């Protein structure tokens, strides 16, 4: 007869998604749809950083990562951290090093949007590094 699975503290069982995980997945979904819409020409951005094709591909990648994180796919954390850090630093690189004169030409709403998006992406990356709110949780009852 096959051995029965033991209920040790090292066993892993699927847990409910945490609020932090839901926030990360929601952000990835929102940004994925925004990049995808920009790639299709449905949204206009004064800070277009690439070609529409690249924006569409990055959008699909964000949507795929959101799904993988939500269902608990192994290996989805490193690319998620990469996309969050890319988003957190991309505008800073553009507005500080490549085209610093662009910052002064942006309206207040766009500046506020850049600051909120960059700080949110950096905060979510930090949250994933420190708390690691993944879907799988250890059984702490034993």
N, C-alpha and C. Protein backbone atom coordinates (compact mmCIF):
# COMPACT_ATOMS: atom_id res chain seq x y z
N UNK A 1 0.84 -1.18 0.00
CA UNK A 1 0.00 0.00 0.00
C UNK A 1 0.89 1.25 0.00
N UNK A 2 0.44 2.28 -0.69
CA UNK A 2 1.23 3.51 -0.70
C UNK A 2 1.18 4.19 0.66
N UNK A 3 2.28 4.85 1.03
CA UNK A 3 2.28 5.53 2.33
C UNK A 3 1.33 6.72 2.31
N UNK A 4 0.72 6.94 3.47
CA UNK A 4 -0.20 8.06 3.61
C UNK A 4 0.59 9.36 3.75
N UNK A 5 0.08 10.43 3.17
CA UNK A 5 0.78 11.70 3.32
C UNK A 5 0.73 12.17 4.76
N UNK A 6 1.86 12.60 5.24
CA UNK A 6 1.92 13.08 6.62
C UNK A 6 1.58 14.55 6.66
N UNK A 7 1.03 14.98 7.76
CA UNK A 7 0.68 16.39 7.91
C UNK A 7 1.75 17.07 8.76
N UNK A 8 2.92 17.27 8.16
CA UNK A 8 4.00 17.93 8.88
C UNK A 8 3.96 19.42 8.60
N UNK A 9 4.77 20.17 9.34
CA UNK A 9 4.76 21.61 9.16
C UNK A 9 5.44 22.03 7.86
N UNK A 10 6.16 21.11 7.21
CA UNK A 10 6.81 21.45 5.95
C UNK A 10 5.90 21.21 4.75
N UNK A 11 4.72 20.62 4.98
CA UNK A 11 3.82 20.40 3.85
C UNK A 11 3.22 21.73 3.41
N UNK A 12 2.91 21.78 2.12
CA UNK A 12 2.38 23.02 1.57
C UNK A 12 0.99 22.76 1.04
N UNK A 13 0.11 23.66 1.35
CA UNK A 13 -1.25 23.54 0.85
C UNK A 13 -1.68 24.89 0.28
N UNK A 14 -2.55 24.86 -0.70
CA UNK A 14 -2.97 26.13 -1.27
C UNK A 14 -3.77 26.93 -0.25
N UNK A 15 -3.42 28.17 -0.11
CA UNK A 15 -4.13 29.04 0.79
C UNK A 15 -4.93 30.06 0.01
N UNK A 16 -5.70 30.85 0.73
CA UNK A 16 -6.45 31.91 0.08
C UNK A 16 -5.48 33.01 -0.32
N UNK A 17 -5.78 33.71 -1.42
CA UNK A 17 -4.91 34.82 -1.79
C UNK A 17 -4.94 35.90 -0.71
N UNK A 18 -3.79 36.44 -0.42
CA UNK A 18 -3.72 37.50 0.58
C UNK A 18 -4.11 38.82 -0.08
N UNK A 19 -4.37 39.82 0.74
CA UNK A 19 -4.71 41.13 0.22
C UNK A 19 -3.54 41.73 -0.56
N UNK A 20 -2.33 41.48 -0.09
CA UNK A 20 -1.14 42.00 -0.78
C UNK A 20 -1.02 41.36 -2.16
N UNK A 21 -1.25 40.07 -2.27
CA UNK A 21 -1.19 39.40 -3.55
C UNK A 21 -2.27 39.92 -4.49
N UNK A 22 -3.45 40.14 -3.97
CA UNK A 22 -4.54 40.70 -4.79
C UNK A 22 -4.18 42.09 -5.30
N UNK A 23 -3.50 42.89 -4.48
CA UNK A 23 -3.09 44.22 -4.90
C UNK A 23 -2.05 44.15 -6.01
N UNK A 24 -1.07 43.25 -5.88
CA UNK A 24 -0.04 43.09 -6.92
C UNK A 24 -0.68 42.60 -8.22
N UNK A 25 -1.55 41.62 -8.13
CA UNK A 25 -2.21 41.08 -9.32
C UNK A 25 -3.10 42.15 -9.96
N UNK A 26 -3.78 42.93 -9.15
CA UNK A 26 -4.61 44.01 -9.68
C UNK A 26 -3.78 45.06 -10.41
N UNK A 27 -2.63 45.41 -9.82
CA UNK A 27 -1.76 46.40 -10.46
C UNK A 27 -1.24 45.86 -11.79
N UNK A 28 -0.79 44.60 -11.80
CA UNK A 28 -0.30 44.01 -13.04
C UNK A 28 -1.40 43.95 -14.11
N UNK A 29 -2.60 43.64 -13.71
CA UNK A 29 -3.72 43.57 -14.65
C UNK A 29 -4.02 44.96 -15.21
N UNK A 30 -4.10 45.95 -14.34
CA UNK A 30 -4.39 47.32 -14.78
C UNK A 30 -3.30 47.83 -15.72
N UNK A 31 -2.03 47.67 -15.34
CA UNK A 31 -0.94 48.17 -16.19
C UNK A 31 -0.86 47.36 -17.48
N UNK A 32 -1.14 46.07 -17.41
CA UNK A 32 -1.13 45.25 -18.62
C UNK A 32 -2.18 45.72 -19.62
N UNK A 33 -3.39 45.99 -19.11
CA UNK A 33 -4.44 46.49 -19.99
C UNK A 33 -4.11 47.88 -20.52
N UNK A 34 -3.49 48.72 -19.70
CA UNK A 34 -3.11 50.06 -20.15
C UNK A 34 -2.04 49.98 -21.24
N UNK A 35 -1.01 49.15 -21.04
CA UNK A 35 0.02 49.01 -22.06
C UNK A 35 -0.54 48.39 -23.33
N UNK A 36 -1.40 47.43 -23.18
CA UNK A 36 -2.02 46.79 -24.33
C UNK A 36 -2.87 47.81 -25.10
N UNK A 37 -3.63 48.62 -24.38
CA UNK A 37 -4.45 49.65 -25.03
C UNK A 37 -3.60 50.71 -25.71
N UNK A 38 -2.47 51.06 -25.10
CA UNK A 38 -1.56 52.00 -25.73
C UNK A 38 -0.97 51.40 -27.00
N UNK A 39 -0.67 50.12 -26.95
CA UNK A 39 -0.13 49.44 -28.13
C UNK A 39 -1.13 49.40 -29.28
N UNK A 40 -2.41 49.29 -28.96
CA UNK A 40 -3.44 49.27 -30.00
C UNK A 40 -3.86 50.67 -30.45
N UNK A 41 -3.37 51.69 -29.73
CA UNK A 41 -3.73 53.06 -30.09
C UNK A 41 -5.00 53.54 -29.43
N UNK A 42 -5.53 52.80 -28.47
CA UNK A 42 -6.76 53.21 -27.78
C UNK A 42 -6.50 54.25 -26.71
N UNK A 43 -5.29 54.29 -26.16
CA UNK A 43 -4.89 55.28 -25.17
C UNK A 43 -3.72 56.09 -25.71
N UNK A 44 -3.76 57.37 -25.44
CA UNK A 44 -2.65 58.24 -25.83
C UNK A 44 -1.84 58.55 -24.59
N UNK A 45 -0.52 58.56 -24.72
CA UNK A 45 0.34 58.86 -23.59
C UNK A 45 1.37 59.90 -24.02
N UNK A 46 1.54 60.95 -23.22
CA UNK A 46 2.60 61.92 -23.56
C UNK A 46 3.99 61.36 -23.28
N UNK A 47 4.05 60.21 -22.63
CA UNK A 47 5.33 59.60 -22.29
C UNK A 47 5.53 58.27 -23.01
N UNK A 48 5.19 58.22 -24.28
CA UNK A 48 5.37 57.00 -25.04
C UNK A 48 6.85 56.67 -25.11
N UNK A 49 7.21 55.52 -24.56
CA UNK A 49 8.62 55.15 -24.44
C UNK A 49 9.09 54.20 -25.52
N UNK A 50 8.17 53.60 -26.26
CA UNK A 50 8.58 52.57 -27.20
C UNK A 50 7.59 52.52 -28.35
N UNK A 51 7.71 51.48 -29.14
CA UNK A 51 6.79 51.29 -30.26
C UNK A 51 5.48 50.68 -29.76
N UNK A 52 4.41 50.85 -30.50
CA UNK A 52 3.14 50.23 -30.09
C UNK A 52 3.24 48.71 -29.95
N UNK A 53 4.02 48.06 -30.81
CA UNK A 53 4.17 46.61 -30.71
C UNK A 53 4.79 46.21 -29.38
N UNK A 54 5.83 46.92 -28.96
CA UNK A 54 6.48 46.61 -27.69
C UNK A 54 5.54 46.87 -26.51
N UNK A 55 4.78 47.96 -26.57
CA UNK A 55 3.81 48.23 -25.51
C UNK A 55 2.77 47.11 -25.42
N UNK A 56 2.30 46.63 -26.56
CA UNK A 56 1.34 45.53 -26.55
C UNK A 56 1.92 44.25 -25.98
N UNK A 57 3.16 43.96 -26.33
CA UNK A 57 3.81 42.75 -25.81
C UNK A 57 4.04 42.84 -24.31
N UNK A 58 4.48 44.00 -23.82
CA UNK A 58 4.67 44.17 -22.38
C UNK A 58 3.32 44.06 -21.67
N UNK A 59 2.26 44.57 -22.28
CA UNK A 59 0.93 44.45 -21.70
C UNK A 59 0.50 43.00 -21.56
N UNK A 60 0.71 42.21 -22.62
CA UNK A 60 0.37 40.79 -22.54
C UNK A 60 1.22 40.07 -21.50
N UNK A 61 2.50 40.47 -21.37
CA UNK A 61 3.35 39.85 -20.35
C UNK A 61 2.82 40.15 -18.95
N UNK A 62 2.39 41.39 -18.72
CA UNK A 62 1.84 41.74 -17.41
C UNK A 62 0.57 40.95 -17.11
N UNK A 63 -0.29 40.80 -18.11
CA UNK A 63 -1.51 40.02 -17.91
C UNK A 63 -1.19 38.56 -17.64
N UNK A 64 -0.22 38.00 -18.33
CA UNK A 64 0.17 36.61 -18.09
C UNK A 64 0.77 36.44 -16.70
N UNK A 65 1.61 37.39 -16.27
CA UNK A 65 2.19 37.32 -14.93
C UNK A 65 1.12 37.43 -13.85
N UNK A 66 0.14 38.29 -14.08
CA UNK A 66 -0.95 38.44 -13.11
C UNK A 66 -1.69 37.11 -12.93
N UNK A 67 -1.95 36.44 -14.04
CA UNK A 67 -2.63 35.15 -13.96
C UNK A 67 -1.78 34.11 -13.25
N UNK A 68 -0.48 34.09 -13.58
CA UNK A 68 0.41 33.11 -12.97
C UNK A 68 0.54 33.33 -11.47
N UNK A 69 0.64 34.58 -11.05
CA UNK A 69 0.71 34.86 -9.61
C UNK A 69 -0.58 34.45 -8.91
N UNK A 70 -1.72 34.72 -9.55
CA UNK A 70 -3.00 34.45 -8.92
C UNK A 70 -3.23 32.96 -8.71
N UNK A 71 -2.81 32.14 -9.68
CA UNK A 71 -3.02 30.69 -9.54
C UNK A 71 -1.87 30.02 -8.81
N UNK A 72 -0.78 30.74 -8.55
CA UNK A 72 0.32 30.18 -7.79
C UNK A 72 1.33 29.41 -8.61
N UNK A 73 1.55 29.81 -9.84
CA UNK A 73 2.52 29.13 -10.70
C UNK A 73 3.93 29.35 -10.16
N UNK A 74 4.66 28.26 -10.03
CA UNK A 74 6.04 28.36 -9.54
C UNK A 74 6.90 29.10 -10.55
N UNK A 75 7.78 29.96 -10.06
CA UNK A 75 8.68 30.70 -10.93
C UNK A 75 8.12 32.00 -11.46
N UNK A 76 6.97 32.42 -11.00
CA UNK A 76 6.39 33.66 -11.51
C UNK A 76 6.86 34.89 -10.73
N UNK A 77 7.52 34.70 -9.61
CA UNK A 77 7.97 35.84 -8.80
C UNK A 77 9.13 36.61 -9.45
N UNK A 78 10.20 35.98 -9.95
CA UNK A 78 11.29 36.77 -10.55
C UNK A 78 10.88 37.66 -11.71
N UNK A 79 10.08 37.17 -12.69
CA UNK A 79 9.68 38.10 -13.75
C UNK A 79 8.75 39.21 -13.26
N UNK A 80 7.97 38.92 -12.22
CA UNK A 80 7.11 39.95 -11.65
C UNK A 80 7.95 41.04 -11.01
N UNK A 81 8.98 40.65 -10.27
CA UNK A 81 9.88 41.65 -9.68
C UNK A 81 10.57 42.46 -10.77
N UNK A 82 10.95 41.79 -11.84
CA UNK A 82 11.62 42.47 -12.95
C UNK A 82 10.71 43.52 -13.59
N UNK A 83 9.47 43.18 -13.85
CA UNK A 83 8.56 44.13 -14.49
C UNK A 83 8.23 45.29 -13.55
N UNK A 84 8.11 45.01 -12.24
CA UNK A 84 7.84 46.09 -11.29
C UNK A 84 9.04 47.03 -11.18
N UNK A 85 10.24 46.48 -11.11
CA UNK A 85 11.42 47.33 -11.02
C UNK A 85 11.65 48.09 -12.33
N UNK A 86 11.34 47.46 -13.45
CA UNK A 86 11.45 48.16 -14.71
C UNK A 86 10.52 49.37 -14.74
N UNK A 87 9.30 49.16 -14.30
CA UNK A 87 8.33 50.26 -14.31
C UNK A 87 8.71 51.35 -13.30
N UNK A 88 9.27 50.94 -12.17
CA UNK A 88 9.64 51.92 -11.15
C UNK A 88 10.81 52.79 -11.59
N UNK A 89 11.68 52.26 -12.43
CA UNK A 89 12.89 53.01 -12.79
C UNK A 89 12.87 53.58 -14.21
N UNK A 90 11.97 53.12 -15.05
CA UNK A 90 11.98 53.53 -16.44
C UNK A 90 11.73 55.03 -16.61
N UNK A 91 10.69 55.54 -15.94
CA UNK A 91 10.40 56.97 -16.06
C UNK A 91 11.49 57.81 -15.43
N UNK A 92 12.05 57.34 -14.33
CA UNK A 92 13.14 58.10 -13.71
C UNK A 92 14.33 58.18 -14.66
N UNK A 93 14.64 57.09 -15.31
CA UNK A 93 15.75 57.08 -16.27
C UNK A 93 15.46 58.03 -17.44
N UNK A 94 14.22 57.98 -17.94
CA UNK A 94 13.86 58.86 -19.05
C UNK A 94 13.90 60.33 -18.64
N UNK A 95 13.30 60.65 -17.49
CA UNK A 95 13.13 62.05 -17.11
C UNK A 95 14.35 62.65 -16.43
N UNK A 96 15.26 61.83 -15.93
CA UNK A 96 16.45 62.37 -15.28
C UNK A 96 17.66 62.35 -16.22
N UNK A 97 17.86 61.26 -16.94
CA UNK A 97 19.06 61.11 -17.75
C UNK A 97 18.86 61.38 -19.24
N UNK A 98 17.82 60.79 -19.82
CA UNK A 98 17.66 60.89 -21.26
C UNK A 98 17.08 62.23 -21.72
N UNK A 99 15.98 62.62 -21.10
CA UNK A 99 15.29 63.84 -21.52
C UNK A 99 14.81 64.64 -20.32
N UNK A 100 15.70 65.26 -19.57
CA UNK A 100 15.27 66.01 -18.38
C UNK A 100 14.38 67.21 -18.71
N UNK A 101 14.48 67.73 -19.91
CA UNK A 101 13.63 68.87 -20.27
C UNK A 101 12.16 68.46 -20.43
N UNK A 102 11.90 67.18 -20.62
CA UNK A 102 10.53 66.70 -20.78
C UNK A 102 9.71 66.88 -19.51
N UNK A 103 10.33 66.76 -18.35
CA UNK A 103 9.61 66.89 -17.07
C UNK A 103 8.94 68.25 -16.95
N UNK A 104 9.61 69.29 -17.38
CA UNK A 104 9.04 70.64 -17.25
C UNK A 104 7.91 70.88 -18.24
N UNK A 105 7.83 70.10 -19.31
CA UNK A 105 6.77 70.30 -20.29
C UNK A 105 5.51 69.50 -19.95
N UNK A 106 5.59 68.58 -18.99
CA UNK A 106 4.43 67.77 -18.63
C UNK A 106 3.45 68.57 -17.78
N UNK A 107 2.17 68.29 -17.95
CA UNK A 107 1.17 68.95 -17.10
C UNK A 107 1.17 68.31 -15.72
N UNK A 108 0.50 68.95 -14.79
CA UNK A 108 0.51 68.51 -13.39
C UNK A 108 -0.06 67.09 -13.24
N UNK A 109 -1.13 66.78 -13.97
CA UNK A 109 -1.75 65.47 -13.87
C UNK A 109 -0.78 64.36 -14.30
N UNK A 110 -0.04 64.58 -15.39
CA UNK A 110 0.90 63.57 -15.88
C UNK A 110 2.06 63.41 -14.91
N UNK A 111 2.54 64.50 -14.35
CA UNK A 111 3.61 64.40 -13.34
C UNK A 111 3.14 63.60 -12.13
N UNK A 112 1.94 63.89 -11.67
CA UNK A 112 1.39 63.17 -10.52
C UNK A 112 1.23 61.69 -10.85
N UNK A 113 0.77 61.39 -12.05
CA UNK A 113 0.59 60.01 -12.47
C UNK A 113 1.93 59.28 -12.50
N UNK A 114 2.97 59.91 -13.01
CA UNK A 114 4.30 59.29 -13.06
C UNK A 114 4.79 59.00 -11.65
N UNK A 115 4.65 59.96 -10.75
CA UNK A 115 5.13 59.77 -9.38
C UNK A 115 4.36 58.66 -8.67
N UNK A 116 3.05 58.62 -8.85
CA UNK A 116 2.24 57.58 -8.20
C UNK A 116 2.56 56.20 -8.77
N UNK A 117 2.65 56.10 -10.08
CA UNK A 117 2.92 54.79 -10.69
C UNK A 117 4.31 54.27 -10.32
N UNK A 118 5.31 55.14 -10.36
CA UNK A 118 6.67 54.70 -10.03
C UNK A 118 6.79 54.29 -8.57
N UNK A 119 6.21 55.08 -7.68
CA UNK A 119 6.31 54.74 -6.26
C UNK A 119 5.47 53.50 -5.92
N UNK A 120 4.34 53.32 -6.56
CA UNK A 120 3.53 52.13 -6.33
C UNK A 120 4.26 50.88 -6.81
N UNK A 121 4.86 50.96 -7.99
CA UNK A 121 5.61 49.80 -8.51
C UNK A 121 6.79 49.46 -7.61
N UNK A 122 7.50 50.49 -7.13
CA UNK A 122 8.63 50.24 -6.22
C UNK A 122 8.13 49.65 -4.90
N UNK A 123 7.03 50.15 -4.39
CA UNK A 123 6.47 49.62 -3.15
C UNK A 123 6.02 48.17 -3.29
N UNK A 124 5.41 47.84 -4.42
CA UNK A 124 4.98 46.46 -4.64
C UNK A 124 6.17 45.52 -4.79
N UNK A 125 7.22 45.98 -5.45
CA UNK A 125 8.44 45.16 -5.55
C UNK A 125 9.03 44.92 -4.16
N UNK A 126 9.06 45.95 -3.35
CA UNK A 126 9.56 45.81 -1.97
C UNK A 126 8.67 44.86 -1.18
N UNK A 127 7.37 44.98 -1.35
CA UNK A 127 6.43 44.09 -0.68
C UNK A 127 6.68 42.63 -1.06
N UNK A 128 6.90 42.38 -2.34
CA UNK A 128 7.17 41.01 -2.78
C UNK A 128 8.49 40.48 -2.24
N UNK A 129 9.48 41.37 -2.12
CA UNK A 129 10.79 40.94 -1.60
C UNK A 129 10.75 40.67 -0.10
N UNK A 130 10.03 41.50 0.64
CA UNK A 130 10.03 41.40 2.10
C UNK A 130 8.98 40.42 2.60
N UNK A 131 7.75 40.61 2.18
CA UNK A 131 6.66 39.81 2.73
C UNK A 131 6.41 38.53 1.94
N UNK A 132 6.68 38.56 0.66
CA UNK A 132 6.45 37.43 -0.24
C UNK A 132 5.04 36.86 -0.07
N UNK A 133 4.03 37.66 -0.41
CA UNK A 133 2.64 37.22 -0.20
C UNK A 133 2.17 36.29 -1.32
N UNK A 134 2.78 35.13 -1.40
CA UNK A 134 2.39 34.20 -2.45
C UNK A 134 1.16 33.41 -2.04
N UNK A 135 0.59 32.71 -3.00
CA UNK A 135 -0.64 31.98 -2.77
C UNK A 135 -0.42 30.76 -1.88
N UNK A 136 0.75 30.18 -1.91
CA UNK A 136 1.02 28.98 -1.14
C UNK A 136 1.52 29.36 0.26
N UNK A 137 0.91 28.77 1.24
CA UNK A 137 1.29 29.06 2.62
C UNK A 137 1.59 27.75 3.34
N UNK A 138 2.53 27.79 4.24
CA UNK A 138 2.85 26.59 5.01
C UNK A 138 1.75 26.32 6.03
N UNK A 139 1.55 25.08 6.31
CA UNK A 139 0.57 24.68 7.33
C UNK A 139 1.23 24.86 8.69
N UNK A 140 0.83 25.88 9.42
CA UNK A 140 1.47 26.21 10.71
C UNK A 140 0.72 25.62 11.88
N UNK A 141 -0.19 24.68 11.63
CA UNK A 141 -0.97 24.14 12.75
C UNK A 141 -0.18 23.12 13.58
N UNK A 142 0.86 22.54 13.01
CA UNK A 142 1.63 21.53 13.76
C UNK A 142 2.82 22.14 14.42
